Amino acid sequence: MTINSNVPERRHVIEINIEADSEDELIEHLAHILFTFRARGISHSSVSGGYSTGHIIKYRINEDVTRESWVMALNTYLGRDDVAE
């Protein structure tokens, strides 16, 4: 998957790639990831591989991005002159 590098990013960005042998296993793996995030917080990277599922997770914080700076960057990206509310 290619992400357009010109698209403005918010302060918190997470990329999650999950692979599974079935839809049910994919959903269960995602639920496990969410459980882990709630229990322990989000680590900046995680790689896991098992019998029927696996994932690669990358999490980063764009320290300089605020809600206001993101809205301005998004409006510029979209070619809008008005400010979103």
Protein backbone atom coordinates (compact mmCIF):
# COMPACT_ATOMS: atom_id res chain seq x y z
CA MET A 1 0.00 0.00 0.00
CA THR A 2 1.35 3.41 -0.94
CA ILE A 3 0.35 6.43 1.08
CA ASN A 4 0.52 9.85 -0.58
CA SER A 5 3.19 11.75 1.37
CA ASN A 6 1.51 15.08 0.55
CA VAL A 7 -1.60 14.24 2.57
CA PRO A 8 -1.53 16.08 5.91
CA GLU A 9 -1.17 13.84 8.94
CA ARG A 10 -2.67 14.34 12.35
CA ARG A 11 -0.59 14.33 15.52
CA HIS A 12 -1.02 10.59 16.20
CA VAL A 13 -0.56 8.17 13.30
CA ILE A 14 -0.65 4.39 13.41
CA GLU A 15 -0.11 1.98 10.54
CA ILE A 16 -1.40 -1.53 11.16
CA ASN A 17 -0.96 -4.40 8.73
CA ILE A 18 -2.71 -7.57 9.85
CA GLU A 19 -2.70 -10.79 7.89
CA ALA A 20 -4.83 -13.80 8.72
CA ASP A 21 -6.03 -17.07 7.26
CA SER A 22 -9.70 -16.19 7.78
CA GLU A 23 -11.93 -13.21 8.42
CA ASP A 24 -12.79 -14.46 11.92
CA GLU A 25 -9.10 -14.78 12.81
CA LEU A 26 -8.45 -11.30 11.44
CA ILE A 27 -11.21 -9.83 13.61
CA GLU A 28 -9.99 -11.74 16.67
CA HIS A 29 -6.42 -10.55 16.10
CA LEU A 30 -7.58 -6.94 15.78
CA ALA A 31 -9.59 -7.31 19.00
CA HIS A 32 -6.46 -8.63 20.73
CA ILE A 33 -4.43 -5.64 19.50
CA LEU A 34 -7.07 -3.22 20.82
CA PHE A 35 -7.17 -5.06 24.16
CA THR A 36 -3.38 -4.79 24.42
CA PHE A 37 -3.44 -1.06 23.55
CA ARG A 38 -6.02 -0.41 26.26
CA ALA A 39 -4.19 -2.49 28.86
CA ARG A 40 -0.59 -1.44 28.17
CA GLY A 41 -0.69 1.58 25.87
CA ILE A 42 0.51 1.74 22.29
CA SER A 43 4.10 0.73 21.61
CA HIS A 44 5.92 2.50 18.78
CA SER A 45 6.43 -0.73 16.87
CA SER A 46 5.29 -4.32 17.07
CA VAL A 47 5.81 -7.38 14.92
CA SER A 48 3.99 -10.62 15.59
CA GLY A 49 3.61 -13.81 13.61
CA GLY A 50 1.72 -16.91 14.57
CA TYR A 51 0.09 -19.99 13.19
CA SER A 52 -2.88 -18.21 11.59
CA THR A 53 -2.33 -14.46 12.05
CA GLY A 54 0.38 -11.84 12.18
CA HIS A 55 0.86 -8.11 12.24
CA ILE A 56 3.25 -5.22 11.78
CA ILE A 57 2.40 -2.04 13.68
CA LYS A 58 4.14 1.34 13.43
CA TYR A 59 3.00 4.23 15.63
CA ARG A 60 4.38 7.74 15.64
CA ILE A 61 3.59 11.12 17.11
CA ASN A 62 4.04 14.22 14.98
CA GLU A 63 5.00 16.51 17.85
CA ASP A 64 4.62 19.76 15.89
CA VAL A 65 1.09 19.03 14.64
CA THR A 66 -1.85 20.64 16.40
CA ARG A 67 -5.51 20.43 15.47
CA GLU A 68 -5.30 23.94 14.04
CA SER A 69 -2.16 23.29 11.98
CA TRP A 70 -3.68 20.06 10.64
CA VAL A 71 -6.89 21.84 9.58
CA MET A 72 -4.88 24.54 7.80
CA ALA A 73 -2.70 21.93 6.04
CA LEU A 74 -5.78 19.93 5.05
CA ASN A 75 -7.50 22.98 3.60
CA THR A 76 -4.36 23.80 1.63
CA TYR A 77 -4.16 20.21 0.39
CA LEU A 78 -7.82 20.33 -0.67
CA GLY A 79 -7.38 23.75 -2.31
CA ARG A 80 -9.88 25.39 0.02
CA ASP A 81 -9.66 28.98 1.20
CA ASP A 82 -12.17 28.62 4.04
CA VAL A 83 -11.39 27.18 7.45
CA ALA A 84 -13.11 23.93 8.48
CA GLU A 85 -14.90 23.94 11.79
